[in-house]
Amino acid sequence: MKRLTKSAKDRQVSGVLGGIAEYFGIDSTIVRVIFLIFAFAGVGSPVFLYILLAILLPEPSREDHNYSDSTTYSRPRSSQARPRKEAKPVTKEKEDDDWSDF
């Protein structure tokens, strides 16, 4: 069963327009351009509708996420993480480095 939800992968602000594009099977850029045209032309109140949909539309379920997608960020595993570098203490080498003139 196909449901209208926010997008998990195609988010710019809250995923509303990406979710609409996924629901209808079209490119999200087309939906965003149509939204901008309506917003600038003053047709209805698309900004109010967007805020309403951002509140009312449910987040996608866990099985809708495609975690194998290369565009999503994944944290490195602890075995892949680089070792932390230690900071060197700051020491004053010369006494003539007086910045009080400024």
N, C-alpha and C. Protein backbone atom coordinates (compact mmCIF):
# COMPACT_ATOMS: atom_id res chain seq x y z
N MET A 1 0.84 -1.17 0.00
CA MET A 1 0.00 0.00 0.00
C MET A 1 0.90 1.25 0.00
N LYS A 2 0.63 2.14 -0.91
CA LYS A 2 1.42 3.35 -1.07
C LYS A 2 0.86 4.44 -0.16
N ARG A 3 1.75 5.04 0.67
CA ARG A 3 1.33 6.11 1.58
C ARG A 3 2.14 7.35 1.32
N LEU A 4 1.50 8.49 1.52
CA LEU A 4 2.19 9.77 1.40
C LEU A 4 2.89 10.05 2.72
N THR A 5 4.22 10.04 2.69
CA THR A 5 5.03 10.34 3.87
C THR A 5 6.13 11.31 3.46
N LYS A 6 6.81 11.83 4.44
CA LYS A 6 7.99 12.65 4.16
C LYS A 6 9.06 11.75 3.57
N SER A 7 9.93 12.34 2.80
CA SER A 7 11.00 11.57 2.19
C SER A 7 12.12 11.33 3.19
N ALA A 8 12.69 10.14 3.14
CA ALA A 8 13.83 9.83 4.00
C ALA A 8 15.14 10.17 3.31
N LYS A 9 15.15 10.12 1.97
CA LYS A 9 16.39 10.31 1.23
C LYS A 9 16.48 11.67 0.56
N ASP A 10 15.36 12.23 0.15
CA ASP A 10 15.35 13.46 -0.64
C ASP A 10 14.81 14.61 0.20
N ARG A 11 15.64 15.10 1.13
CA ARG A 11 15.22 16.16 2.05
C ARG A 11 16.02 17.41 1.78
N GLN A 12 15.31 18.53 1.74
CA GLN A 12 15.98 19.82 1.72
C GLN A 12 15.68 20.56 3.01
N VAL A 13 14.41 20.61 3.38
CA VAL A 13 14.02 21.25 4.64
C VAL A 13 13.44 20.20 5.58
N SER A 14 12.26 19.68 5.23
CA SER A 14 11.66 18.68 6.10
C SER A 14 11.28 17.40 5.36
N GLY A 15 11.45 17.35 4.05
CA GLY A 15 11.16 16.15 3.28
C GLY A 15 9.77 16.12 2.69
N VAL A 16 9.00 17.20 2.81
CA VAL A 16 7.62 17.22 2.32
C VAL A 16 7.59 17.14 0.80
N LEU A 17 8.31 18.02 0.12
CA LEU A 17 8.28 18.04 -1.33
C LEU A 17 8.92 16.79 -1.92
N GLY A 18 9.96 16.28 -1.28
CA GLY A 18 10.56 15.02 -1.72
C GLY A 18 9.61 13.86 -1.56
N GLY A 19 8.81 13.86 -0.48
CA GLY A 19 7.82 12.81 -0.26
C GLY A 19 6.71 12.86 -1.29
N ILE A 20 6.28 14.07 -1.65
CA ILE A 20 5.25 14.22 -2.68
C ILE A 20 5.77 13.71 -4.01
N ALA A 21 7.02 14.03 -4.34
CA ALA A 21 7.62 13.56 -5.58
C ALA A 21 7.74 12.04 -5.60
N GLU A 22 8.14 11.43 -4.49
CA GLU A 22 8.24 9.97 -4.42
C GLU A 22 6.87 9.32 -4.55
N TYR A 23 5.85 9.94 -3.96
CA TYR A 23 4.49 9.39 -4.01
C TYR A 23 3.96 9.36 -5.45
N PHE A 24 4.19 10.43 -6.20
CA PHE A 24 3.70 10.49 -7.57
C PHE A 24 4.70 9.95 -8.59
N GLY A 25 5.90 9.61 -8.15
CA GLY A 25 6.89 9.00 -9.04
C GLY A 25 7.50 9.98 -10.02
N ILE A 26 7.67 11.24 -9.62
CA ILE A 26 8.29 12.23 -10.49
C ILE A 26 9.54 12.79 -9.80
N ASP A 27 10.30 13.55 -10.54
CA ASP A 27 11.52 14.14 -10.02
C ASP A 27 11.19 15.22 -9.00
N SER A 28 11.91 15.25 -7.91
CA SER A 28 11.64 16.22 -6.85
C SER A 28 11.95 17.65 -7.28
N THR A 29 12.83 17.82 -8.26
CA THR A 29 13.13 19.16 -8.75
C THR A 29 11.90 19.79 -9.39
N ILE A 30 11.12 18.99 -10.10
CA ILE A 30 9.90 19.49 -10.73
C ILE A 30 8.91 19.96 -9.67
N VAL A 31 8.76 19.19 -8.60
CA VAL A 31 7.84 19.56 -7.52
C VAL A 31 8.32 20.84 -6.84
N ARG A 32 9.61 20.97 -6.64
CA ARG A 32 10.16 22.18 -6.00
C ARG A 32 9.98 23.42 -6.88
N VAL A 33 10.17 23.27 -8.19
CA VAL A 33 9.98 24.40 -9.11
C VAL A 33 8.51 24.82 -9.13
N ILE A 34 7.60 23.86 -9.17
CA ILE A 34 6.16 24.18 -9.14
C ILE A 34 5.81 24.88 -7.84
N PHE A 35 6.37 24.42 -6.73
CA PHE A 35 6.12 25.06 -5.44
C PHE A 35 6.60 26.51 -5.46
N LEU A 36 7.79 26.75 -5.99
CA LEU A 36 8.33 28.12 -6.04
C LEU A 36 7.50 29.02 -6.95
N ILE A 37 7.05 28.48 -8.08
CA ILE A 37 6.20 29.28 -8.98
C ILE A 37 4.92 29.68 -8.27
N PHE A 38 4.27 28.73 -7.59
CA PHE A 38 3.05 29.05 -6.85
C PHE A 38 3.32 30.03 -5.72
N ALA A 39 4.45 29.89 -5.06
CA ALA A 39 4.77 30.78 -3.94
C ALA A 39 4.99 32.21 -4.42
N PHE A 40 5.72 32.38 -5.53
CA PHE A 40 5.98 33.73 -6.03
C PHE A 40 4.78 34.34 -6.75
N ALA A 41 3.93 33.48 -7.34
CA ALA A 41 2.75 33.99 -8.04
C ALA A 41 1.62 34.31 -7.06
N GLY A 42 1.73 33.82 -5.85
CA GLY A 42 0.70 34.09 -4.85
C GLY A 42 -0.54 33.25 -5.02
N VAL A 43 -0.44 32.12 -5.70
CA VAL A 43 -1.58 31.23 -5.92
C VAL A 43 -1.84 30.45 -4.64
N GLY A 44 -2.97 30.69 -4.00
CA GLY A 44 -3.25 30.02 -2.74
C GLY A 44 -2.26 30.48 -1.70
N SER A 45 -1.93 29.61 -0.83
CA SER A 45 -0.88 29.90 0.15
C SER A 45 -0.02 28.65 0.31
N PRO A 46 0.90 28.42 -0.63
CA PRO A 46 1.71 27.21 -0.58
C PRO A 46 2.64 27.14 0.62
N VAL A 47 3.07 28.27 1.15
CA VAL A 47 3.94 28.25 2.32
C VAL A 47 3.16 27.73 3.54
N PHE A 48 1.93 28.20 3.70
CA PHE A 48 1.09 27.71 4.79
C PHE A 48 0.81 26.21 4.61
N LEU A 49 0.53 25.79 3.36
CA LEU A 49 0.28 24.37 3.08
C LEU A 49 1.52 23.53 3.38
N TYR A 50 2.70 24.05 3.04
CA TYR A 50 3.95 23.33 3.32
C TYR A 50 4.14 23.13 4.82
N ILE A 51 3.92 24.19 5.60
CA ILE A 51 4.06 24.09 7.06
C ILE A 51 3.06 23.11 7.62
N LEU A 52 1.83 23.15 7.11
CA LEU A 52 0.80 22.21 7.56
C LEU A 52 1.18 20.77 7.24
N LEU A 53 1.68 20.54 6.03
CA LEU A 53 2.10 19.18 5.66
C LEU A 53 3.33 18.74 6.45
N ALA A 54 4.23 19.65 6.76
CA ALA A 54 5.41 19.30 7.55
C ALA A 54 5.01 18.82 8.94
N ILE A 55 3.92 19.38 9.45
CA ILE A 55 3.43 18.97 10.77
C ILE A 55 2.64 17.67 10.69
N LEU A 56 1.81 17.54 9.65
CA LEU A 56 0.87 16.42 9.58
C LEU A 56 1.42 15.14 8.94
N LEU A 57 2.31 15.28 7.97
CA LEU A 57 2.81 14.08 7.29
C LEU A 57 3.69 13.26 8.23
N PRO A 58 3.49 11.94 8.23
CA PRO A 58 4.32 11.11 9.10
C PRO A 58 5.71 10.90 8.53
N GLU A 59 6.64 10.62 9.40
CA GLU A 59 7.99 10.25 8.98
C GLU A 59 7.91 8.87 8.34
N PRO A 60 8.80 8.55 7.41
CA PRO A 60 8.77 7.22 6.80
C PRO A 60 9.14 6.15 7.81
N SER A 61 8.60 4.97 7.61
CA SER A 61 8.91 3.87 8.53
C SER A 61 10.34 3.39 8.30
N ARG A 62 10.86 2.63 9.23
CA ARG A 62 12.25 2.17 9.18
C ARG A 62 12.53 1.33 7.94
N GLU A 63 11.59 0.50 7.52
CA GLU A 63 11.83 -0.36 6.37
C GLU A 63 11.79 0.40 5.05
N ASP A 64 11.28 1.65 5.06
CA ASP A 64 11.30 2.48 3.86
C ASP A 64 12.67 3.08 3.61
N HIS A 65 13.51 3.14 4.62
CA HIS A 65 14.85 3.70 4.48
C HIS A 65 15.70 2.75 3.66
N ASN A 66 16.52 3.32 2.81
CA ASN A 66 17.48 2.53 2.05
C ASN A 66 18.86 2.87 2.58
N TYR A 67 19.29 2.12 3.58
CA TYR A 67 20.55 2.45 4.24
C TYR A 67 21.76 2.06 3.41
N SER A 68 21.57 1.27 2.38
CA SER A 68 22.70 0.92 1.53
C SER A 68 22.95 2.00 0.48
N ASP A 69 22.11 3.03 0.45
CA ASP A 69 22.29 4.13 -0.49
C ASP A 69 23.59 4.85 -0.20
N SER A 70 24.35 5.14 -1.23
CA SER A 70 25.67 5.75 -1.04
C SER A 70 25.57 7.22 -0.67
N THR A 71 24.40 7.85 -0.83
CA THR A 71 24.28 9.27 -0.51
C THR A 71 24.05 9.51 0.97
N THR A 72 23.70 8.46 1.70
CA THR A 72 23.48 8.64 3.14
C THR A 72 24.80 8.55 3.87
N TYR A 73 24.90 9.25 4.97
CA TYR A 73 26.12 9.27 5.75
C TYR A 73 26.11 8.13 6.74
N SER A 74 27.20 7.46 6.86
CA SER A 74 27.32 6.43 7.88
C SER A 74 28.59 6.70 8.67
N ARG A 75 28.48 6.54 9.97
CA ARG A 75 29.64 6.77 10.83
C ARG A 75 30.66 5.67 10.63
N PRO A 76 31.93 6.01 10.70
CA PRO A 76 32.94 4.96 10.58
C PRO A 76 32.91 4.05 11.81
N ARG A 77 33.14 2.80 11.56
CA ARG A 77 33.19 1.86 12.68
C ARG A 77 34.45 2.12 13.49
N SER A 78 34.45 1.68 14.72
CA SER A 78 35.58 1.98 15.60
C SER A 78 36.89 1.40 15.06
N SER A 79 36.83 0.30 14.32
CA SER A 79 38.06 -0.26 13.75
C SER A 79 38.57 0.60 12.59
N GLN A 80 37.69 1.40 11.97
CA GLN A 80 38.10 2.24 10.85
C GLN A 80 38.46 3.65 11.29
N ALA A 81 38.15 4.00 12.51
CA ALA A 81 38.35 5.38 12.97
C ALA A 81 39.85 5.66 13.12
N ARG A 82 40.22 6.89 12.78
CA ARG A 82 41.61 7.30 12.95
C ARG A 82 41.88 7.62 14.41
N PRO A 83 43.11 7.43 14.86
CA PRO A 83 43.42 7.78 16.24
C PRO A 83 43.39 9.29 16.43
N ARG A 84 43.00 9.71 17.61
CA ARG A 84 42.93 11.14 17.91
C ARG A 84 44.33 11.73 18.03
N LYS A 85 44.48 12.95 17.58
CA LYS A 85 45.76 13.64 17.71
C LYS A 85 45.72 14.45 19.00
N GLU A 86 46.82 14.44 19.69
CA GLU A 86 46.92 15.20 20.93
C GLU A 86 47.37 16.61 20.63
N ALA A 87 46.80 17.56 21.32
CA ALA A 87 47.17 18.97 21.14
C ALA A 87 48.47 19.26 21.86
N LYS A 88 49.28 20.12 21.26
CA LYS A 88 50.54 20.52 21.88
C LYS A 88 50.27 21.71 22.78
N PRO A 89 50.92 21.77 23.93
CA PRO A 89 50.70 22.93 24.81
C PRO A 89 51.29 24.19 24.20
N VAL A 90 50.63 25.30 24.43
CA VAL A 90 51.09 26.59 23.91
C VAL A 90 52.07 27.18 24.90
N THR A 91 53.25 27.51 24.39
CA THR A 91 54.27 28.12 25.25
C THR A 91 54.70 29.43 24.64
N LYS A 92 55.06 30.35 25.48
CA LYS A 92 55.53 31.64 25.02
C LYS A 92 57.04 31.54 24.86
N GLU A 93 57.50 31.68 23.60
CA GLU A 93 58.92 31.49 23.32
C GLU A 93 59.73 32.76 23.56
N LYS A 94 59.22 33.91 23.19
CA LYS A 94 59.97 35.15 23.33
C LYS A 94 59.19 36.10 24.23
N GLU A 95 59.93 36.84 24.99
CA GLU A 95 59.30 37.84 25.85
C GLU A 95 59.02 39.13 25.09
N ASP A 96 59.64 39.30 23.90
CA ASP A 96 59.45 40.54 23.16
C ASP A 96 58.21 40.50 22.27
N ASP A 97 57.42 39.47 22.34
CA ASP A 97 56.17 39.39 21.57
C ASP A 97 55.07 40.14 22.34
N ASP A 98 55.24 41.43 22.43
CA ASP A 98 54.29 42.25 23.15
C ASP A 98 53.33 42.89 22.16
N TRP A 99 52.05 42.58 22.26
CA TRP A 99 51.04 43.07 21.35
C TRP A 99 50.26 44.24 21.97
N SER A 100 50.80 44.83 22.99
CA SER A 100 50.08 45.90 23.67
C SER A 100 50.03 47.20 22.87
N ASP A 101 50.82 47.31 21.80
CA ASP A 101 50.79 48.49 20.96
C ASP A 101 49.50 48.63 20.19
N PHE A 102 48.77 47.56 20.01
CA PHE A 102 47.57 47.60 19.18
C PHE A 102 46.38 47.91 19.99
